[in-house]
């Protein structure tokens, strides 16, 4: 979750959004978003992640464990 969290944080900051703004737009709690960005969230549904990605204009890609991630 840490990698996805850091990518979400970078995308949020690049779009000039605060955590409060993104959480409101995605319909999730700010604490959940903070934990997602920090990789400390215990459990989160894929639908919530998809909503965050949609607001940021990102696509979620599922890869096999151990597969190299695209650096882009």
N, C-alpha and C. Protein backbone atom coordinates (compact mmCIF):
# COMPACT_ATOMS: atom_id res chain seq x y z
N UNK A 1 0.81 -1.20 0.00
CA UNK A 1 0.00 0.00 0.00
C UNK A 1 0.85 1.26 0.00
N UNK A 2 2.11 1.14 0.42
CA UNK A 2 2.94 2.34 0.50
C UNK A 2 3.16 2.93 -0.89
N UNK A 3 3.43 2.10 -1.89
CA UNK A 3 3.69 2.63 -3.23
C UNK A 3 2.46 3.34 -3.78
N UNK A 4 1.30 2.72 -3.67
CA UNK A 4 0.09 3.37 -4.17
C UNK A 4 -0.18 4.65 -3.39
N UNK A 5 0.08 4.62 -2.10
CA UNK A 5 -0.14 5.81 -1.28
C UNK A 5 0.74 6.97 -1.70
N UNK A 6 2.01 6.70 -1.96
CA UNK A 6 2.91 7.78 -2.36
C UNK A 6 2.54 8.31 -3.74
N UNK A 7 2.07 7.44 -4.63
CA UNK A 7 1.63 7.90 -5.95
C UNK A 7 0.36 8.74 -5.85
N UNK A 8 -0.55 8.32 -4.98
CA UNK A 8 -1.77 9.12 -4.79
C UNK A 8 -1.43 10.48 -4.21
N UNK A 9 -0.53 10.52 -3.23
CA UNK A 9 -0.14 11.80 -2.62
C UNK A 9 0.49 12.71 -3.67
N UNK A 10 1.39 12.17 -4.48
CA UNK A 10 2.03 12.98 -5.52
C UNK A 10 1.00 13.54 -6.50
N UNK A 11 0.05 12.71 -6.91
CA UNK A 11 -0.99 13.16 -7.85
C UNK A 11 -1.87 14.22 -7.20
N UNK A 12 -2.22 14.03 -5.92
CA UNK A 12 -3.04 15.02 -5.22
C UNK A 12 -2.33 16.36 -5.14
N UNK A 13 -1.06 16.32 -4.75
CA UNK A 13 -0.29 17.56 -4.62
C UNK A 13 -0.10 18.23 -5.97
N UNK A 14 0.13 17.44 -7.03
CA UNK A 14 0.30 18.01 -8.38
C UNK A 14 -0.96 18.72 -8.84
N UNK A 15 -2.11 18.29 -8.34
CA UNK A 15 -3.38 18.91 -8.71
C UNK A 15 -3.78 20.03 -7.75
N UNK A 16 -2.93 20.29 -6.76
CA UNK A 16 -3.17 21.39 -5.83
C UNK A 16 -4.31 21.14 -4.87
N UNK A 17 -4.59 19.86 -4.57
CA UNK A 17 -5.68 19.52 -3.64
C UNK A 17 -5.13 19.23 -2.25
N UNK A 18 -5.88 19.62 -1.24
CA UNK A 18 -5.55 19.21 0.13
C UNK A 18 -6.16 17.83 0.37
N UNK A 19 -5.75 17.20 1.44
CA UNK A 19 -6.36 15.92 1.80
C UNK A 19 -7.85 16.10 2.06
N UNK A 20 -8.22 17.19 2.72
CA UNK A 20 -9.64 17.45 3.00
C UNK A 20 -10.44 17.55 1.71
N UNK A 21 -9.91 18.28 0.74
CA UNK A 21 -10.62 18.46 -0.53
C UNK A 21 -10.77 17.14 -1.28
N UNK A 22 -9.68 16.39 -1.39
CA UNK A 22 -9.74 15.12 -2.11
C UNK A 22 -10.66 14.14 -1.41
N UNK A 23 -10.58 14.05 -0.11
CA UNK A 23 -11.44 13.14 0.64
C UNK A 23 -12.91 13.49 0.40
N UNK A 24 -13.25 14.76 0.44
CA UNK A 24 -14.63 15.19 0.21
C UNK A 24 -15.08 14.83 -1.20
N UNK A 25 -14.25 15.12 -2.19
CA UNK A 25 -14.59 14.83 -3.58
C UNK A 25 -14.75 13.32 -3.84
N UNK A 26 -13.95 12.51 -3.14
CA UNK A 26 -13.99 11.06 -3.33
C UNK A 26 -15.00 10.39 -2.42
N UNK A 27 -15.54 11.12 -1.46
CA UNK A 27 -16.54 10.55 -0.56
C UNK A 27 -15.96 9.59 0.47
N UNK A 28 -14.73 9.89 0.93
CA UNK A 28 -14.13 9.08 1.99
C UNK A 28 -13.67 10.02 3.10
N UNK A 29 -13.34 9.46 4.24
CA UNK A 29 -12.87 10.27 5.36
C UNK A 29 -11.44 10.75 5.15
N UNK A 30 -11.13 11.94 5.67
CA UNK A 30 -9.77 12.47 5.54
C UNK A 30 -8.77 11.58 6.24
N UNK A 31 -9.16 11.01 7.38
CA UNK A 31 -8.25 10.12 8.10
C UNK A 31 -7.94 8.88 7.25
N UNK A 32 -8.95 8.33 6.59
CA UNK A 32 -8.72 7.18 5.72
C UNK A 32 -7.78 7.54 4.58
N UNK A 33 -7.97 8.71 3.99
CA UNK A 33 -7.10 9.14 2.91
C UNK A 33 -5.67 9.31 3.41
N UNK A 34 -5.50 9.92 4.58
CA UNK A 34 -4.18 10.10 5.16
C UNK A 34 -3.50 8.76 5.38
N UNK A 35 -4.23 7.82 5.95
CA UNK A 35 -3.67 6.49 6.19
C UNK A 35 -3.34 5.78 4.88
N UNK A 36 -4.17 5.96 3.87
CA UNK A 36 -3.91 5.37 2.55
C UNK A 36 -2.62 5.94 1.97
N UNK A 37 -2.46 7.26 2.02
CA UNK A 37 -1.26 7.89 1.49
C UNK A 37 -0.01 7.45 2.25
N UNK A 38 -0.15 7.22 3.56
CA UNK A 38 1.00 6.84 4.39
C UNK A 38 1.25 5.34 4.43
N UNK A 39 0.37 4.57 3.81
CA UNK A 39 0.54 3.11 3.80
C UNK A 39 0.25 2.46 5.13
N UNK A 40 -0.54 3.13 5.97
CA UNK A 40 -0.82 2.60 7.31
C UNK A 40 -2.26 2.15 7.48
N UNK A 41 -3.05 2.20 6.42
CA UNK A 41 -4.46 1.83 6.53
C UNK A 41 -4.57 0.32 6.67
N UNK A 42 -5.40 -0.12 7.59
CA UNK A 42 -5.57 -1.56 7.81
C UNK A 42 -6.30 -2.22 6.66
N UNK A 43 -7.48 -1.75 6.38
CA UNK A 43 -8.29 -2.28 5.28
C UNK A 43 -9.04 -1.14 4.63
N UNK A 44 -9.13 -1.21 3.31
CA UNK A 44 -9.91 -0.23 2.56
C UNK A 44 -10.47 -0.96 1.35
N UNK A 45 -11.70 -0.69 1.03
CA UNK A 45 -12.32 -1.33 -0.11
C UNK A 45 -11.77 -0.78 -1.42
N UNK A 46 -11.73 -1.64 -2.42
CA UNK A 46 -11.22 -1.22 -3.73
C UNK A 46 -12.08 -0.11 -4.33
N UNK A 47 -13.35 -0.09 -4.02
CA UNK A 47 -14.22 0.98 -4.54
C UNK A 47 -13.79 2.35 -4.04
N UNK A 48 -13.35 2.43 -2.80
CA UNK A 48 -12.87 3.71 -2.27
C UNK A 48 -11.60 4.13 -2.98
N UNK A 49 -10.70 3.19 -3.22
CA UNK A 49 -9.47 3.51 -3.93
C UNK A 49 -9.81 3.97 -5.35
N UNK A 50 -10.75 3.29 -5.99
CA UNK A 50 -11.16 3.66 -7.34
C UNK A 50 -11.75 5.06 -7.38
N UNK A 51 -12.51 5.43 -6.34
CA UNK A 51 -13.09 6.79 -6.30
C UNK A 51 -11.99 7.84 -6.18
N UNK A 52 -10.99 7.57 -5.35
CA UNK A 52 -9.86 8.50 -5.21
C UNK A 52 -9.14 8.62 -6.55
N UNK A 53 -8.89 7.49 -7.19
CA UNK A 53 -8.21 7.49 -8.49
C UNK A 53 -9.02 8.27 -9.52
N UNK A 54 -10.33 8.09 -9.53
CA UNK A 54 -11.18 8.77 -10.50
C UNK A 54 -11.10 10.29 -10.33
N UNK A 55 -11.13 10.76 -9.09
CA UNK A 55 -11.04 12.21 -8.84
C UNK A 55 -9.70 12.74 -9.35
N UNK A 56 -8.64 11.93 -9.19
CA UNK A 56 -7.30 12.37 -9.59
C UNK A 56 -7.01 12.10 -11.06
N UNK A 57 -7.93 11.45 -11.76
CA UNK A 57 -7.71 11.13 -13.16
C UNK A 57 -6.72 10.01 -13.37
N UNK A 58 -6.65 9.10 -12.40
CA UNK A 58 -5.71 7.97 -12.47
C UNK A 58 -6.46 6.68 -12.72
N UNK A 59 -5.74 5.68 -13.24
CA UNK A 59 -6.29 4.34 -13.41
C UNK A 59 -5.57 3.41 -12.43
N UNK A 60 -6.30 2.47 -11.87
CA UNK A 60 -5.71 1.49 -10.96
C UNK A 60 -5.34 0.26 -11.77
N UNK A 61 -4.09 -0.15 -11.67
CA UNK A 61 -3.61 -1.31 -12.40
C UNK A 61 -3.22 -2.39 -11.40
N UNK A 62 -3.76 -3.58 -11.58
CA UNK A 62 -3.44 -4.71 -10.70
C UNK A 62 -2.35 -5.54 -11.36
N UNK A 63 -1.29 -5.82 -10.62
CA UNK A 63 -0.18 -6.59 -11.15
C UNK A 63 0.11 -7.77 -10.25
N UNK A 64 0.67 -8.84 -10.81
CA UNK A 64 1.05 -9.98 -9.97
C UNK A 64 2.10 -9.56 -8.94
N UNK A 65 2.04 -10.16 -7.79
CA UNK A 65 3.01 -9.86 -6.73
C UNK A 65 4.42 -10.11 -7.26
N UNK A 66 5.31 -9.16 -7.02
CA UNK A 66 6.69 -9.30 -7.44
C UNK A 66 6.97 -8.77 -8.85
N UNK A 67 5.92 -8.41 -9.58
CA UNK A 67 6.11 -7.86 -10.93
C UNK A 67 6.66 -6.44 -10.82
N UNK A 68 7.53 -6.09 -11.74
CA UNK A 68 8.11 -4.75 -11.73
C UNK A 68 7.05 -3.73 -12.12
N UNK A 69 6.97 -2.65 -11.36
CA UNK A 69 6.01 -1.58 -11.65
C UNK A 69 6.61 -0.64 -12.68
N UNK A 70 5.77 -0.11 -13.53
CA UNK A 70 6.20 0.88 -14.51
C UNK A 70 6.58 2.15 -13.77
N UNK A 71 7.74 2.66 -14.03
CA UNK A 71 8.24 3.83 -13.32
C UNK A 71 7.49 5.10 -13.71
N UNK A 72 6.65 5.05 -14.76
CA UNK A 72 5.95 6.26 -15.20
C UNK A 72 4.74 6.46 -14.42
